Amino acid sequence: MRLRIEESRRRSRLRCGATTVLGLTILIAAAQATGVETGSEDHCVSCHDSDQLPIALGHSVGEWRVSPHAGAAVGCEKCHGGDPSSALADVAHRGVLPASDPKSLVHPRNLATTCGTCHAKERAAYAATVHGAQVEETDQQVCVAADCFDHVMMIAESSRAEPNAFQLKYYAPGVGNIKIGYRGDDATRAQLELVEIRVLSPEEMAEVREMALKLEENAYQISKEVYDQTEPAE
């Protein structure tokens, strides 16, 4: 994902006086098939391969094909539940629940546990961060310039240097960060919101990936004690 910040004064006049509201554009990776072998028994892939889901509803098989999960032969059922060996819809979807259901494996409050089944080290590292410790609200509906989103999770982030200043970050399933606000003594008082969702071409995705890896490399240098708890991305 890459964020592009654009200045927008329209909402500033409506909501917060002289404060400048910044727009946030999230560029979503294009889903391109790569010929990953899935096996004849994986009916999740064979049935949903032609689905073109709106980004607000989730990701597609095409996106899975270009992901590290596909490369490691990790199927849909590992995150969503269900039985990929069955071609019967009621059997194949057994245990698959919408993200809004608190019992769903991909409900915001359950994601750390679901992902932690395979990524135990990352789960432990997450639990020790402000992200893991400061989840304040889930299942919100939040509207921004791009659209309205359901089942949004809000995290209130602070730091030891500014314990009374909080950045309020809102995350929508299948999209990511859609809005940033503030609370308390935040000196910047900046506000960001999603203004556009655009699909990236494979070439653009490669460029974004390179930038993300450079950012992570820098993070390992400036916050070694935090990032050394997990292996670098590849």
Protein backbone atom coordinates (compact mmCIF):
# COMPACT_ATOMS: atom_id res chain seq x y z
CA MET A 1 0.00 0.00 0.00
CA ARG A 2 1.11 3.54 -0.67
CA LEU A 3 -0.41 6.64 0.81
CA ARG A 4 -0.68 9.92 -1.06
CA ILE A 5 -1.65 12.95 1.02
CA GLU A 6 -3.65 15.63 -0.73
CA GLU A 7 -4.77 18.89 0.80
CA SER A 8 -8.51 19.46 0.90
CA ARG A 9 -10.20 22.46 2.47
CA ARG A 10 -13.82 21.57 1.70
CA ARG A 11 -14.36 19.40 4.78
CA SER A 12 -12.20 21.73 6.82
CA ARG A 13 -14.81 24.47 6.52
CA LEU A 14 -17.60 22.07 7.38
CA ARG A 15 -16.12 20.25 10.32
CA CYS A 16 -13.20 21.89 12.00
CA GLY A 17 -12.95 25.59 11.40
CA ALA A 18 -9.50 26.62 10.25
CA THR A 19 -8.01 23.14 10.55
CA THR A 20 -6.85 21.75 7.23
CA VAL A 21 -8.29 18.33 6.44
CA LEU A 22 -5.97 16.18 4.43
CA GLY A 23 -7.13 13.55 1.99
CA LEU A 24 -5.68 10.12 1.96
CA THR A 25 -5.39 8.00 -1.14
CA ILE A 26 -4.74 4.35 -0.66
CA LEU A 27 -3.39 2.57 -3.66
CA ILE A 28 -4.42 -1.04 -3.65
CA ALA A 29 -2.34 -3.73 -5.31
CA ALA A 30 -3.65 -5.14 -8.56
CA ALA A 31 -4.70 -8.75 -8.53
CA GLN A 32 -2.91 -10.60 -11.32
CA ALA A 33 -2.79 -14.38 -11.72
CA THR A 34 0.69 -15.92 -11.62
CA GLY A 35 -0.07 -19.55 -12.34
CA VAL A 36 0.33 -20.75 -8.76
CA GLU A 37 -0.60 -24.40 -8.51
CA THR A 38 -3.51 -24.85 -6.13
CA GLY A 39 -4.31 -28.52 -6.47
CA SER A 40 -7.52 -30.13 -7.74
CA GLU A 41 -8.97 -30.50 -4.24
CA ASP A 42 -9.02 -26.76 -3.47
CA HIS A 43 -12.62 -25.90 -4.26
CA CYS A 44 -12.28 -22.44 -2.66
CA VAL A 45 -10.08 -21.49 -5.61
CA SER A 46 -12.00 -23.34 -8.33
CA CYS A 47 -15.36 -21.83 -7.27
CA HIS A 48 -14.24 -18.28 -6.49
CA ASP A 49 -11.58 -17.85 -9.16
CA SER A 50 -13.90 -15.76 -11.35
CA ASP A 51 -15.24 -13.54 -8.54
CA GLN A 52 -14.52 -9.82 -8.95
CA LEU A 53 -15.40 -8.53 -5.50
CA PRO A 54 -15.61 -4.82 -4.65
CA ILE A 55 -12.66 -3.90 -2.44
CA ALA A 56 -15.01 -3.16 0.48
CA LEU A 57 -16.16 -6.81 0.45
CA GLY A 58 -12.74 -8.38 0.58
CA HIS A 59 -9.96 -9.67 -1.59
CA SER A 60 -10.15 -11.96 -4.59
CA VAL A 61 -8.49 -15.21 -5.57
CA GLY A 62 -6.36 -13.19 -7.97
CA GLU A 63 -4.92 -11.20 -5.08
CA TRP A 64 -4.29 -14.42 -3.19
CA ARG A 65 -2.39 -15.85 -6.17
CA VAL A 66 0.25 -13.09 -6.00
CA SER A 67 0.54 -13.21 -2.19
CA PRO A 68 3.16 -14.93 -0.01
CA HIS A 69 0.34 -17.17 1.28
CA ALA A 70 -0.16 -18.70 -2.16
CA GLY A 71 3.57 -19.18 -2.55
CA ALA A 72 3.64 -21.07 0.75
CA ALA A 73 0.55 -23.16 -0.19
CA VAL A 74 -1.56 -21.50 2.53
CA GLY A 75 -5.18 -21.69 1.38
CA CYS A 76 -8.26 -19.59 2.09
CA GLU A 77 -9.46 -21.87 4.90
CA LYS A 78 -6.47 -21.05 7.10
CA CYS A 79 -7.78 -17.51 7.59
CA HIS A 80 -11.49 -17.78 6.79
CA GLY A 81 -12.38 -21.32 7.88
CA GLY A 82 -14.36 -23.78 5.79
CA ASP A 83 -13.50 -27.02 4.04
CA PRO A 84 -11.72 -26.61 0.68
CA SER A 85 -11.94 -30.33 -0.09
CA SER A 86 -15.74 -30.19 -0.50
CA ALA A 87 -17.59 -29.01 -3.61
CA LEU A 88 -20.85 -28.77 -1.64
CA ALA A 89 -21.50 -25.14 -0.72
CA ASP A 90 -22.95 -25.81 2.74
CA VAL A 91 -20.03 -28.05 3.70
CA ALA A 92 -17.34 -25.92 2.08
CA HIS A 93 -18.57 -22.79 3.88
CA ARG A 94 -19.03 -24.39 7.27
CA GLY A 95 -17.44 -22.09 9.85
CA VAL A 96 -17.05 -19.22 7.37
CA LEU A 97 -18.66 -16.15 8.95
CA PRO A 98 -18.80 -12.48 7.91
CA ALA A 99 -16.19 -10.19 9.43
CA SER A 100 -18.94 -8.44 11.38
CA ASP A 101 -19.67 -11.61 13.38
CA PRO A 102 -17.69 -11.65 16.66
CA LYS A 103 -17.14 -15.40 16.15
CA SER A 104 -15.58 -14.92 12.71
CA LEU A 105 -11.90 -15.75 12.33
CA VAL A 106 -11.46 -12.43 10.52
CA HIS A 107 -13.42 -10.27 12.96
CA PRO A 108 -11.12 -7.36 13.94
CA ARG A 109 -10.77 -8.60 17.51
CA ASN A 110 -9.85 -12.09 16.34
CA LEU A 111 -7.33 -11.25 13.63
CA ALA A 112 -4.29 -11.34 15.92
CA THR A 113 -5.26 -14.82 17.11
CA THR A 114 -6.07 -16.08 13.60
CA CYS A 115 -2.83 -14.79 12.08
CA GLY A 116 -0.90 -15.80 15.19
CA THR A 117 -1.70 -19.45 14.55
CA CYS A 118 1.11 -19.42 11.99
CA HIS A 119 2.85 -16.16 12.92
CA ALA A 120 3.42 -16.64 16.64
CA LYS A 121 6.45 -14.36 16.83
CA GLU A 122 4.65 -11.55 15.02
CA ARG A 123 1.59 -11.98 17.24
CA ALA A 124 3.74 -11.61 20.36
CA ALA A 125 5.40 -8.52 18.92
CA TYR A 126 2.03 -7.01 18.02
CA ALA A 127 0.64 -7.60 21.51
CA ALA A 128 3.48 -5.52 22.94
CA THR A 129 2.82 -2.52 20.68
CA VAL A 130 0.46 0.42 21.05
CA HIS A 131 -1.59 -1.12 18.25
CA GLY A 132 -2.28 -4.23 20.27
CA ALA A 133 -2.77 -2.40 23.54
CA GLN A 134 -4.94 0.49 22.40
CA VAL A 135 -7.75 -0.93 20.28
CA GLU A 136 -10.63 1.18 21.56
CA GLU A 137 -13.58 0.46 19.28
CA THR A 138 -14.69 -2.05 16.67
CA ASP A 139 -17.70 -2.53 14.38
CA GLN A 140 -18.09 1.17 13.67
CA GLN A 141 -19.53 2.70 10.53
CA VAL A 142 -17.28 5.48 9.28
CA CYS A 143 -17.90 7.70 6.25
CA VAL A 144 -15.09 9.51 4.44
CA ALA A 145 -14.81 11.19 1.05
CA ALA A 146 -14.25 7.89 -0.80
CA ASP A 147 -17.15 5.92 0.69
CA CYS A 148 -18.83 4.70 3.88
CA PHE A 149 -17.35 1.61 5.53
CA ASP A 150 -18.74 -0.88 8.04
CA HIS A 151 -16.99 -2.89 10.80
CA VAL A 152 -14.28 -0.26 11.21
CA MET A 153 -11.76 -0.63 14.05
CA MET A 154 -10.34 2.43 15.80
CA ILE A 155 -6.95 2.52 17.51
CA ALA A 156 -5.83 5.38 19.77
CA GLU A 157 -2.04 5.66 19.48
CA SER A 158 0.16 7.61 21.87
CA SER A 159 3.83 7.67 22.82
CA ARG A 160 5.86 7.88 25.99
CA ALA A 161 7.07 11.31 24.95
CA GLU A 162 3.48 12.60 24.53
CA PRO A 163 1.24 10.54 26.84
CA ASN A 164 -1.68 12.97 26.53
CA ALA A 165 -1.62 13.20 22.73
CA PHE A 166 -3.41 10.57 20.67
CA GLN A 167 -3.70 9.79 16.98
CA LEU A 168 -7.01 8.07 16.24
CA LYS A 169 -6.59 5.61 13.37
CA TYR A 170 -9.55 3.95 11.69
CA TYR A 171 -9.13 0.68 9.77
CA ALA A 172 -11.76 -0.86 7.46
CA PRO A 173 -11.73 -4.58 6.54
CA GLY A 174 -10.30 -5.20 3.09
CA VAL A 175 -9.12 -1.61 2.73
CA GLY A 176 -6.88 -0.59 5.63
CA ASN A 177 -6.42 2.87 7.10
CA ILE A 178 -9.31 5.10 5.96
CA LYS A 179 -9.11 7.96 8.45
CA ILE A 180 -6.80 9.59 11.01
CA GLY A 181 -7.91 12.04 13.67
CA TYR A 182 -6.59 13.27 16.99
CA ARG A 183 -7.47 13.62 20.65
CA GLY A 184 -5.85 15.48 23.53
CA ASP A 185 -2.68 17.53 23.23
CA ASP A 186 -1.69 16.55 19.70
CA ALA A 187 0.22 19.59 18.46
CA THR A 188 -0.31 18.82 14.75
CA ARG A 189 -4.11 18.40 14.93
CA ALA A 190 -3.88 16.98 11.44
CA GLN A 191 -6.74 14.94 10.00
CA LEU A 192 -6.46 12.50 7.12
CA GLU A 193 -9.14 10.61 5.26
CA LEU A 194 -9.44 8.29 2.30
CA VAL A 195 -10.38 10.14 -0.88
CA GLU A 196 -9.72 7.52 -3.56
CA ILE A 197 -9.08 3.81 -4.05
CA ARG A 198 -7.07 2.98 -7.15
CA VAL A 199 -5.89 -0.42 -8.38
CA LEU A 200 -2.18 -0.65 -9.12
CA SER A 201 -0.68 -2.25 -12.18
CA PRO A 202 1.97 -4.97 -11.63
CA GLU A 203 4.68 -2.42 -12.46
CA GLU A 204 3.32 0.08 -9.93
CA MET A 205 3.01 -2.67 -7.34
CA ALA A 206 6.66 -3.59 -7.81
CA GLU A 207 7.61 0.05 -7.26
CA VAL A 208 5.52 0.27 -4.09
CA ARG A 209 7.00 -2.99 -2.80
CA GLU A 210 10.51 -1.64 -3.26
CA MET A 211 9.60 1.52 -1.35
CA ALA A 212 7.99 -0.50 1.47
CA LEU A 213 11.10 -2.65 1.85
CA LYS A 214 13.27 0.47 2.07
CA LEU A 215 10.98 1.89 4.77
CA GLU A 216 11.20 -1.35 6.73
CA GLU A 217 14.99 -1.40 6.42
CA ASN A 218 15.07 2.10 7.88
CA ALA A 219 12.74 1.02 10.70
CA TYR A 220 15.14 -1.77 11.69
CA GLN A 221 17.89 0.83 11.97
CA ILE A 222 16.06 3.44 14.04
CA SER A 223 13.95 1.07 16.22
CA LYS A 224 16.13 -2.01 16.42
CA GLU A 225 14.81 -3.10 19.82
CA VAL A 226 11.26 -3.29 18.43
CA TYR A 227 11.78 -4.66 14.91
CA ASP A 228 14.41 -7.24 15.89
CA GLN A 229 11.59 -9.30 17.39
CA THR A 230 10.47 -10.28 13.87
CA GLU A 231 12.21 -11.35 10.66
CA PRO A 232 12.53 -8.74 7.88
CA ALA A 233 10.12 -8.94 4.96
CA GLU A 234 11.42 -10.46 1.73
